Full PDB file with SEQRES, HELIX, SHEET, SSBOND, CRYST1, ORIGX, SCALE, CONECT and MASTER records, all heavy atoms in Angstrom:
SEQRES   1 A   33  GLN TYR SER GLU ASP MET SER LYS ASP PRO ARG ILE HIS          
SEQRES   2 A   33  SER CYS VAL LEU ASP ILE ILE GLU ASN VAL ALA GLY TYR          
SEQRES   3 A   33  ASN GLN THR LEU GLN ASP LYS                                  
HELIX    1 AA1 PRO A   10  ALA A   24  1                                  15    
HELIX    2 AA2 GLN A   28  ASP A   32  1                                   5    
CRYST1    1.000    1.000    1.000  90.00  90.00  90.00 P 1           1          
ORIGX1      1.000000  0.000000  0.000000        0.00000                         
ORIGX2      0.000000  1.000000  0.000000        0.00000                         
ORIGX3      0.000000  0.000000  1.000000        0.00000                         
SCALE1      1.000000  0.000000  0.000000        0.00000                         
SCALE2      0.000000  1.000000  0.000000        0.00000                         
SCALE3      0.000000  0.000000  1.000000        0.00000                         
ATOM      1  N   GLN A   1     -32.764 -12.663  27.784  1.00  0.00           N  
ATOM      2  CA  GLN A   1     -33.973 -13.538  27.827  1.00  0.00           C  
ATOM      3  C   GLN A   1     -34.614 -13.497  29.186  1.00  0.00           C  
ATOM      4  O   GLN A   1     -35.863 -13.454  29.283  1.00  0.00           O  
ATOM      5  CB  GLN A   1     -33.586 -14.923  27.455  1.00  0.00           C  
ATOM      6  CG  GLN A   1     -34.707 -15.917  27.503  1.00  0.00           C  
ATOM      7  CD  GLN A   1     -35.852 -15.651  26.484  1.00  0.00           C  
ATOM      8  OE1 GLN A   1     -37.030 -15.451  26.946  1.00  0.00           O  
ATOM      9  NE2 GLN A   1     -35.518 -15.562  25.257  1.00  0.00           N  
ATOM     10  N   TYR A   2     -33.809 -13.499  30.234  1.00  0.00           N  
ATOM     11  CA  TYR A   2     -34.394 -13.600  31.618  1.00  0.00           C  
ATOM     12  C   TYR A   2     -34.351 -12.274  32.356  1.00  0.00           C  
ATOM     13  O   TYR A   2     -34.496 -12.234  33.554  1.00  0.00           O  
ATOM     14  CB  TYR A   2     -33.606 -14.642  32.391  1.00  0.00           C  
ATOM     15  CG  TYR A   2     -33.529 -16.023  31.724  1.00  0.00           C  
ATOM     16  CD1 TYR A   2     -32.284 -16.502  31.328  1.00  0.00           C  
ATOM     17  CD2 TYR A   2     -34.728 -16.773  31.476  1.00  0.00           C  
ATOM     18  CE1 TYR A   2     -32.222 -17.753  30.705  1.00  0.00           C  
ATOM     19  CE2 TYR A   2     -34.608 -17.987  30.860  1.00  0.00           C  
ATOM     20  CZ  TYR A   2     -33.352 -18.450  30.405  1.00  0.00           C  
ATOM     21  OH  TYR A   2     -33.309 -19.679  29.807  1.00  0.00           O  
ATOM     22  N   SER A   3     -34.193 -11.182  31.628  1.00  0.00           N  
ATOM     23  CA  SER A   3     -34.250  -9.889  32.260  1.00  0.00           C  
ATOM     24  C   SER A   3     -35.423  -9.091  31.903  1.00  0.00           C  
ATOM     25  O   SER A   3     -36.244  -9.448  30.996  1.00  0.00           O  
ATOM     26  CB  SER A   3     -32.943  -9.087  31.825  1.00  0.00           C  
ATOM     27  OG  SER A   3     -33.096  -8.670  30.438  1.00  0.00           O  
ATOM     28  N   GLU A   4     -35.662  -7.934  32.520  1.00  0.00           N  
ATOM     29  CA  GLU A   4     -36.805  -7.113  32.299  1.00  0.00           C  
ATOM     30  C   GLU A   4     -36.611  -6.317  31.013  1.00  0.00           C  
ATOM     31  O   GLU A   4     -37.562  -5.758  30.473  1.00  0.00           O  
ATOM     32  CB  GLU A   4     -36.909  -6.055  33.458  1.00  0.00           C  
ATOM     33  CG  GLU A   4     -37.321  -6.740  34.777  1.00  0.00           C  
ATOM     34  CD  GLU A   4     -37.454  -5.617  35.870  1.00  0.00           C  
ATOM     35  OE1 GLU A   4     -37.172  -4.449  35.633  1.00  0.00           O  
ATOM     36  OE2 GLU A   4     -37.856  -6.059  36.990  1.00  0.00           O  
ATOM     37  N   ASP A   5     -35.348  -6.329  30.451  1.00  0.00           N  
ATOM     38  CA  ASP A   5     -35.107  -5.588  29.234  1.00  0.00           C  
ATOM     39  C   ASP A   5     -35.653  -6.407  27.984  1.00  0.00           C  
ATOM     40  O   ASP A   5     -35.671  -5.818  26.913  1.00  0.00           O  
ATOM     41  CB  ASP A   5     -33.636  -5.415  29.049  1.00  0.00           C  
ATOM     42  CG  ASP A   5     -33.094  -4.406  30.061  1.00  0.00           C  
ATOM     43  OD1 ASP A   5     -33.841  -3.609  30.597  1.00  0.00           O  
ATOM     44  OD2 ASP A   5     -31.868  -4.465  30.412  1.00  0.00           O  
ATOM     45  N   MET A   6     -36.088  -7.651  28.178  1.00  0.00           N  
ATOM     46  CA  MET A   6     -36.569  -8.449  27.074  1.00  0.00           C  
ATOM     47  C   MET A   6     -37.785  -7.783  26.432  1.00  0.00           C  
ATOM     48  O   MET A   6     -38.784  -7.510  27.073  1.00  0.00           O  
ATOM     49  CB  MET A   6     -36.891  -9.809  27.505  1.00  0.00           C  
ATOM     50  CG  MET A   6     -37.247 -10.756  26.349  1.00  0.00           C  
ATOM     51  SD  MET A   6     -35.930 -11.108  25.249  1.00  0.00           S  
ATOM     52  CE  MET A   6     -36.646 -11.900  23.911  1.00  0.00           C  
ATOM     53  N   SER A   7     -37.684  -7.480  25.168  1.00  0.00           N  
ATOM     54  CA  SER A   7     -38.829  -6.784  24.491  1.00  0.00           C  
ATOM     55  C   SER A   7     -40.049  -7.671  24.401  1.00  0.00           C  
ATOM     56  O   SER A   7     -39.936  -8.899  24.158  1.00  0.00           O  
ATOM     57  CB  SER A   7     -38.382  -6.342  23.073  1.00  0.00           C  
ATOM     58  OG  SER A   7     -39.454  -5.848  22.346  1.00  0.00           O  
ATOM     59  N   LYS A   8     -41.215  -7.041  24.519  1.00  0.00           N  
ATOM     60  CA  LYS A   8     -42.465  -7.810  24.364  1.00  0.00           C  
ATOM     61  C   LYS A   8     -42.999  -7.693  22.952  1.00  0.00           C  
ATOM     62  O   LYS A   8     -44.132  -8.071  22.670  1.00  0.00           O  
ATOM     63  CB  LYS A   8     -43.522  -7.207  25.351  1.00  0.00           C  
ATOM     64  CG  LYS A   8     -43.016  -7.210  26.797  1.00  0.00           C  
ATOM     65  CD  LYS A   8     -42.654  -8.583  27.324  1.00  0.00           C  
ATOM     66  CE  LYS A   8     -42.207  -8.562  28.744  1.00  0.00           C  
ATOM     67  NZ  LYS A   8     -41.730  -9.934  29.231  1.00  0.00           N  
ATOM     68  N   ASP A   9     -42.191  -7.136  22.083  1.00  0.00           N  
ATOM     69  CA  ASP A   9     -42.650  -6.965  20.665  1.00  0.00           C  
ATOM     70  C   ASP A   9     -42.981  -8.325  20.080  1.00  0.00           C  
ATOM     71  O   ASP A   9     -42.195  -9.304  20.116  1.00  0.00           O  
ATOM     72  CB  ASP A   9     -41.502  -6.340  19.846  1.00  0.00           C  
ATOM     73  CG  ASP A   9     -41.926  -5.984  18.480  1.00  0.00           C  
ATOM     74  OD1 ASP A   9     -42.969  -6.433  18.049  1.00  0.00           O  
ATOM     75  OD2 ASP A   9     -41.130  -5.267  17.797  1.00  0.00           O  
ATOM     76  N   PRO A  10     -44.219  -8.490  19.499  1.00  0.00           N  
ATOM     77  CA  PRO A  10     -44.661  -9.786  18.911  1.00  0.00           C  
ATOM     78  C   PRO A  10     -43.710 -10.235  17.802  1.00  0.00           C  
ATOM     79  O   PRO A  10     -43.576 -11.400  17.536  1.00  0.00           O  
ATOM     80  CB  PRO A  10     -45.967  -9.521  18.348  1.00  0.00           C  
ATOM     81  CG  PRO A  10     -46.469  -8.311  19.133  1.00  0.00           C  
ATOM     82  CD  PRO A  10     -45.270  -7.493  19.459  1.00  0.00           C  
ATOM     83  N   ARG A  11     -42.974  -9.268  17.167  1.00  0.00           N  
ATOM     84  CA  ARG A  11     -42.086  -9.629  16.080  1.00  0.00           C  
ATOM     85  C   ARG A  11     -40.977 -10.557  16.580  1.00  0.00           C  
ATOM     86  O   ARG A  11     -40.506 -11.393  15.813  1.00  0.00           O  
ATOM     87  CB  ARG A  11     -41.486  -8.355  15.483  1.00  0.00           C  
ATOM     88  CG  ARG A  11     -40.492  -8.648  14.392  1.00  0.00           C  
ATOM     89  CD  ARG A  11     -39.955  -7.371  13.776  1.00  0.00           C  
ATOM     90  NE  ARG A  11     -38.748  -7.602  12.950  1.00  0.00           N  
ATOM     91  CZ  ARG A  11     -38.757  -8.128  11.791  1.00  0.00           C  
ATOM     92  NH1 ARG A  11     -39.931  -8.427  11.168  1.00  0.00           N  
ATOM     93  NH2 ARG A  11     -37.630  -8.301  11.119  1.00  0.00           N  
ATOM     94  N   ILE A  12     -40.585 -10.378  17.830  1.00  0.00           N  
ATOM     95  CA  ILE A  12     -39.487 -11.222  18.367  1.00  0.00           C  
ATOM     96  C   ILE A  12     -39.846 -12.709  18.317  1.00  0.00           C  
ATOM     97  O   ILE A  12     -39.192 -13.556  17.739  1.00  0.00           O  
ATOM     98  CB  ILE A  12     -39.108 -10.842  19.749  1.00  0.00           C  
ATOM     99  CG1 ILE A  12     -38.830  -9.338  19.906  1.00  0.00           C  
ATOM    100  CG2 ILE A  12     -38.006 -11.649  20.314  1.00  0.00           C  
ATOM    101  CD1 ILE A  12     -37.596  -8.877  19.150  1.00  0.00           C  
ATOM    102  N   HIS A  13     -41.020 -12.986  18.862  1.00  0.00           N  
ATOM    103  CA  HIS A  13     -41.499 -14.377  18.870  1.00  0.00           C  
ATOM    104  C   HIS A  13     -41.764 -14.896  17.479  1.00  0.00           C  
ATOM    105  O   HIS A  13     -41.433 -16.054  17.113  1.00  0.00           O  
ATOM    106  CB  HIS A  13     -42.800 -14.411  19.682  1.00  0.00           C  
ATOM    107  CG  HIS A  13     -43.415 -15.808  19.802  1.00  0.00           C  
ATOM    108  ND1 HIS A  13     -42.802 -16.776  20.582  1.00  0.00           N  
ATOM    109  CD2 HIS A  13     -44.484 -16.396  19.243  1.00  0.00           C  
ATOM    110  CE1 HIS A  13     -43.503 -17.902  20.503  1.00  0.00           C  
ATOM    111  NE2 HIS A  13     -44.530 -17.686  19.698  1.00  0.00           N  
ATOM    112  N   SER A  14     -42.291 -14.034  16.601  1.00  0.00           N  
ATOM    113  CA  SER A  14     -42.520 -14.450  15.192  1.00  0.00           C  
ATOM    114  C   SER A  14     -41.245 -14.826  14.479  1.00  0.00           C  
ATOM    115  O   SER A  14     -41.211 -15.771  13.693  1.00  0.00           O  
ATOM    116  CB  SER A  14     -43.233 -13.285  14.473  1.00  0.00           C  
ATOM    117  OG  SER A  14     -43.538 -13.605  13.154  1.00  0.00           O  
ATOM    118  N   CYS A  15     -40.160 -14.027  14.720  1.00  0.00           N  
ATOM    119  CA  CYS A  15     -38.894 -14.308  14.040  1.00  0.00           C  
ATOM    120  C   CYS A  15     -38.370 -15.687  14.548  1.00  0.00           C  
ATOM    121  O   CYS A  15     -37.759 -16.429  13.722  1.00  0.00           O  
ATOM    122  CB  CYS A  15     -37.920 -13.215  14.336  1.00  0.00           C  
ATOM    123  SG  CYS A  15     -38.153 -11.741  13.433  1.00  0.00           S  
ATOM    124  N   VAL A  16     -38.514 -15.962  15.808  1.00  0.00           N  
ATOM    125  CA  VAL A  16     -38.045 -17.274  16.302  1.00  0.00           C  
ATOM    126  C   VAL A  16     -38.721 -18.409  15.629  1.00  0.00           C  
ATOM    127  O   VAL A  16     -38.104 -19.395  15.237  1.00  0.00           O  
ATOM    128  CB  VAL A  16     -38.180 -17.323  17.871  1.00  0.00           C  
ATOM    129  CG1 VAL A  16     -37.833 -18.710  18.381  1.00  0.00           C  
ATOM    130  CG2 VAL A  16     -37.340 -16.270  18.590  1.00  0.00           C  
ATOM    131  N   LEU A  17     -40.062 -18.249  15.467  1.00  0.00           N  
ATOM    132  CA  LEU A  17     -40.834 -19.320  14.823  1.00  0.00           C  
ATOM    133  C   LEU A  17     -40.501 -19.398  13.316  1.00  0.00           C  
ATOM    134  O   LEU A  17     -40.379 -20.495  12.813  1.00  0.00           O  
ATOM    135  CB  LEU A  17     -42.287 -19.015  14.987  1.00  0.00           C  
ATOM    136  CG  LEU A  17     -42.866 -19.107  16.379  1.00  0.00           C  
ATOM    137  CD1 LEU A  17     -44.395 -18.788  16.372  1.00  0.00           C  
ATOM    138  CD2 LEU A  17     -42.619 -20.466  17.010  1.00  0.00           C  
ATOM    139  N   ASP A  18     -40.156 -18.295  12.715  1.00  0.00           N  
ATOM    140  CA  ASP A  18     -39.759 -18.257  11.296  1.00  0.00           C  
ATOM    141  C   ASP A  18     -38.546 -19.100  11.099  1.00  0.00           C  
ATOM    142  O   ASP A  18     -38.397 -19.902  10.145  1.00  0.00           O  
ATOM    143  CB  ASP A  18     -39.510 -16.862  10.795  1.00  0.00           C  
ATOM    144  CG  ASP A  18     -40.760 -16.061  10.577  1.00  0.00           C  
ATOM    145  OD1 ASP A  18     -41.854 -16.722  10.539  1.00  0.00           O  
ATOM    146  OD2 ASP A  18     -40.671 -14.803  10.481  1.00  0.00           O  
ATOM    147  N   ILE A  19     -37.536 -18.906  12.008  1.00  0.00           N  
ATOM    148  CA  ILE A  19     -36.282 -19.620  11.898  1.00  0.00           C  
ATOM    149  C   ILE A  19     -36.435 -21.108  12.176  1.00  0.00           C  
ATOM    150  O   ILE A  19     -35.898 -22.004  11.513  1.00  0.00           O  
ATOM    151  CB  ILE A  19     -35.248 -18.969  12.767  1.00  0.00           C  
ATOM    152  CG1 ILE A  19     -34.839 -17.676  12.249  1.00  0.00           C  
ATOM    153  CG2 ILE A  19     -34.041 -19.930  12.964  1.00  0.00           C  
ATOM    154  CD1 ILE A  19     -33.796 -16.909  13.069  1.00  0.00           C  
ATOM    155  N   ILE A  20     -37.304 -21.433  13.130  1.00  0.00           N  
ATOM    156  CA  ILE A  20     -37.598 -22.880  13.417  1.00  0.00           C  
ATOM    157  C   ILE A  20     -38.234 -23.539  12.206  1.00  0.00           C  
ATOM    158  O   ILE A  20     -37.826 -24.638  11.821  1.00  0.00           O  
ATOM    159  CB  ILE A  20     -38.480 -22.989  14.625  1.00  0.00           C  
ATOM    160  CG1 ILE A  20     -37.682 -22.592  15.935  1.00  0.00           C  
ATOM    161  CG2 ILE A  20     -39.043 -24.411  14.786  1.00  0.00           C  
ATOM    162  CD1 ILE A  20     -38.517 -22.617  17.214  1.00  0.00           C  
ATOM    163  N   GLU A  21     -39.206 -22.824  11.549  1.00  0.00           N  
ATOM    164  CA  GLU A  21     -39.833 -23.435  10.388  1.00  0.00           C  
ATOM    165  C   GLU A  21     -38.830 -23.557   9.203  1.00  0.00           C  
ATOM    166  O   GLU A  21     -38.857 -24.541   8.502  1.00  0.00           O  
ATOM    167  CB  GLU A  21     -41.005 -22.507   9.934  1.00  0.00           C  
ATOM    168  CG  GLU A  21     -42.219 -22.599  10.871  1.00  0.00           C  
ATOM    169  CD  GLU A  21     -43.329 -21.675  10.423  1.00  0.00           C  
ATOM    170  OE1 GLU A  21     -43.089 -20.849   9.572  1.00  0.00           O  
ATOM    171  OE2 GLU A  21     -44.428 -21.804  10.945  1.00  0.00           O  
ATOM    172  N   ASN A  22     -37.924 -22.560   9.083  1.00  0.00           N  
ATOM    173  CA  ASN A  22     -36.925 -22.593   8.026  1.00  0.00           C  
ATOM    174  C   ASN A  22     -35.999 -23.778   8.219  1.00  0.00           C  
ATOM    175  O   ASN A  22     -35.634 -24.450   7.262  1.00  0.00           O  
ATOM    176  CB  ASN A  22     -36.192 -21.317   7.975  1.00  0.00           C  
ATOM    177  CG  ASN A  22     -35.183 -21.242   6.855  1.00  0.00           C  
ATOM    178  OD1 ASN A  22     -35.477 -21.588   5.718  1.00  0.00           O  
ATOM    179  ND2 ASN A  22     -33.972 -20.886   7.141  1.00  0.00           N  
ATOM    180  N   VAL A  23     -35.614 -24.045   9.467  1.00  0.00           N  
ATOM    181  CA  VAL A  23     -34.639 -25.080   9.729  1.00  0.00           C  
ATOM    182  C   VAL A  23     -35.318 -26.461   9.646  1.00  0.00           C  
ATOM    183  O   VAL A  23     -34.786 -27.389   9.031  1.00  0.00           O  
ATOM    184  CB  VAL A  23     -33.967 -24.878  11.091  1.00  0.00           C  
ATOM    185  CG1 VAL A  23     -33.111 -26.135  11.472  1.00  0.00           C  
ATOM    186  CG2 VAL A  23     -33.150 -23.612  11.126  1.00  0.00           C  
ATOM    187  N   ALA A  24     -36.464 -26.629  10.304  1.00  0.00           N  
ATOM    188  CA  ALA A  24     -37.116 -27.911  10.406  1.00  0.00           C  
ATOM    189  C   ALA A  24     -37.853 -28.283   9.146  1.00  0.00           C  
ATOM    190  O   ALA A  24     -38.043 -29.475   8.919  1.00  0.00           O  
ATOM    191  CB  ALA A  24     -38.077 -27.933  11.605  1.00  0.00           C  
ATOM    192  N   GLY A  25     -38.252 -27.303   8.342  1.00  0.00           N  
ATOM    193  CA  GLY A  25     -39.010 -27.559   7.144  1.00  0.00           C  
ATOM    194  C   GLY A  25     -40.280 -28.310   7.507  1.00  0.00           C  
ATOM    195  O   GLY A  25     -40.998 -27.917   8.402  1.00  0.00           O  
ATOM    196  N   TYR A  26     -40.615 -29.415   6.760  1.00  0.00           N  
ATOM    197  CA  TYR A  26     -41.799 -30.128   6.969  1.00  0.00           C  
ATOM    198  C   TYR A  26     -41.568 -31.332   7.901  1.00  0.00           C  
ATOM    199  O   TYR A  26     -42.477 -32.270   7.968  1.00  0.00           O  
ATOM    200  CB  TYR A  26     -42.343 -30.603   5.632  1.00  0.00           C  
ATOM    201  CG  TYR A  26     -42.808 -29.452   4.752  1.00  0.00           C  
ATOM    202  CD1 TYR A  26     -41.990 -29.142   3.681  1.00  0.00           C  
ATOM    203  CD2 TYR A  26     -43.964 -28.748   5.007  1.00  0.00           C  
ATOM    204  CE1 TYR A  26     -42.341 -28.007   2.859  1.00  0.00           C  
ATOM    205  CE2 TYR A  26     -44.355 -27.712   4.174  1.00  0.00           C  
ATOM    206  CZ  TYR A  26     -43.516 -27.349   3.093  1.00  0.00           C  
ATOM    207  OH  TYR A  26     -43.919 -26.341   2.291  1.00  0.00           O  
ATOM    208  N   ASN A  27     -40.439 -31.421   8.531  1.00  0.00           N  
ATOM    209  CA  ASN A  27     -40.113 -32.505   9.440  1.00  0.00           C  
ATOM    210  C   ASN A  27     -40.811 -32.239  10.770  1.00  0.00           C  
ATOM    211  O   ASN A  27     -40.319 -31.444  11.557  1.00  0.00           O  
ATOM    212  CB  ASN A  27     -38.595 -32.637   9.642  1.00  0.00           C  
ATOM    213  CG  ASN A  27     -38.184 -33.840  10.389  1.00  0.00           C  
ATOM    214  OD1 ASN A  27     -38.913 -34.333  11.204  1.00  0.00           O  
ATOM    215  ND2 ASN A  27     -37.007 -34.359  10.061  1.00  0.00           N  
ATOM    216  N   GLN A  28     -41.944 -32.950  11.024  1.00  0.00           N  
ATOM    217  CA  GLN A  28     -42.732 -32.661  12.208  1.00  0.00           C  
ATOM    218  C   GLN A  28     -41.999 -33.090  13.485  1.00  0.00           C  
ATOM    219  O   GLN A  28     -42.095 -32.377  14.519  1.00  0.00           O  
ATOM    220  CB  GLN A  28     -44.050 -33.448  12.130  1.00  0.00           C  
ATOM    221  CG  GLN A  28     -45.054 -33.141  13.275  1.00  0.00           C  
ATOM    222  CD  GLN A  28     -45.453 -31.704  13.298  1.00  0.00           C  
ATOM    223  OE1 GLN A  28     -45.800 -31.173  12.278  1.00  0.00           O  
ATOM    224  NE2 GLN A  28     -45.393 -31.087  14.484  1.00  0.00           N  
ATOM    225  N   THR A  29     -41.205 -34.152  13.397  1.00  0.00           N  
ATOM    226  CA  THR A  29     -40.445 -34.571  14.526  1.00  0.00           C  
ATOM    227  C   THR A  29     -39.427 -33.551  14.983  1.00  0.00           C  
ATOM    228  O   THR A  29     -39.250 -33.221  16.160  1.00  0.00           O  
ATOM    229  CB  THR A  29     -39.722 -35.926  14.269  1.00  0.00           C  
ATOM    230  OG1 THR A  29     -40.703 -36.916  13.906  1.00  0.00           O  
ATOM    231  CG2 THR A  29     -38.925 -36.409  15.476  1.00  0.00           C  
ATOM    232  N   LEU A  30     -38.789 -32.987  13.953  1.00  0.00           N  
ATOM    233  CA  LEU A  30     -37.740 -31.923  14.255  1.00  0.00           C  
ATOM    234  C   LEU A  30     -38.407 -30.722  14.782  1.00  0.00           C  
ATOM    235  O   LEU A  30     -37.895 -30.003  15.618  1.00  0.00           O  
ATOM    236  CB  LEU A  30     -36.945 -31.666  12.976  1.00  0.00           C  
ATOM    237  CG  LEU A  30     -35.657 -30.884  13.102  1.00  0.00           C  
ATOM    238  CD1 LEU A  30     -34.711 -31.558  14.164  1.00  0.00           C  
ATOM    239  CD2 LEU A  30     -34.980 -30.728  11.803  1.00  0.00           C  
ATOM    240  N   GLN A  31     -39.523 -30.316  14.225  1.00  0.00           N  
ATOM    241  CA  GLN A  31     -40.288 -29.128  14.738  1.00  0.00           C  
ATOM    242  C   GLN A  31     -40.648 -29.294  16.181  1.00  0.00           C  
ATOM    243  O   GLN A  31     -40.434 -28.367  16.941  1.00  0.00           O  
ATOM    244  CB  GLN A  31     -41.559 -28.952  13.907  1.00  0.00           C  
ATOM    245  CG  GLN A  31     -41.376 -28.391  12.520  1.00  0.00           C  
ATOM    246  CD  GLN A  31     -42.698 -28.134  11.833  1.00  0.00           C  
ATOM    247  OE1 GLN A  31     -43.774 -28.278  12.410  1.00  0.00           O  
ATOM    248  NE2 GLN A  31     -42.628 -27.769  10.525  1.00  0.00           N  
ATOM    249  N   ASP A  32     -41.111 -30.481  16.559  1.00  0.00           N  
ATOM    250  CA  ASP A  32     -41.492 -30.754  17.952  1.00  0.00           C  
ATOM    251  C   ASP A  32     -40.217 -30.661  18.841  1.00  0.00           C  
ATOM    252  O   ASP A  32     -40.327 -30.142  19.954  1.00  0.00           O  
ATOM    253  CB  ASP A  32     -42.095 -32.149  18.107  1.00  0.00           C  
ATOM    254  CG  ASP A  32     -43.460 -32.252  17.371  1.00  0.00           C  
ATOM    255  OD1 ASP A  32     -44.015 -31.196  17.058  1.00  0.00           O  
ATOM    256  OD2 ASP A  32     -43.854 -33.397  17.061  1.00  0.00           O  
ATOM    257  N   LYS A  33     -39.133 -31.155  18.439  1.00  0.00           N  
ATOM    258  CA  LYS A  33     -37.924 -31.060  19.236  1.00  0.00           C  
ATOM    259  C   LYS A  33     -37.469 -29.586  19.441  1.00  0.00           C  
ATOM    260  O   LYS A  33     -37.151 -29.155  20.516  1.00  0.00           O  
ATOM    261  CB  LYS A  33     -36.769 -31.827  18.582  1.00  0.00           C  
ATOM    262  CG  LYS A  33     -36.887 -33.370  18.629  1.00  0.00           C  
ATOM    263  CD  LYS A  33     -35.757 -34.064  18.015  1.00  0.00           C  
ATOM    264  CE  LYS A  33     -35.889 -35.611  18.159  1.00  0.00           C  
ATOM    265  NZ  LYS A  33     -34.748 -36.282  17.527  1.00  0.00           N  
TER     266      LYS A  33                                                      
MASTER        0    0    0    2    0    0    0    6  265    1    0    3          
END                                                                             
């Protein structure tokens, strides 16, 4: 994460958001956390 080897591929960021949405569902408070 903190190295130069971290890929700039937009898919990486998109996957992180996918998992957050999957876990938090429609719980806005949990999404914010």
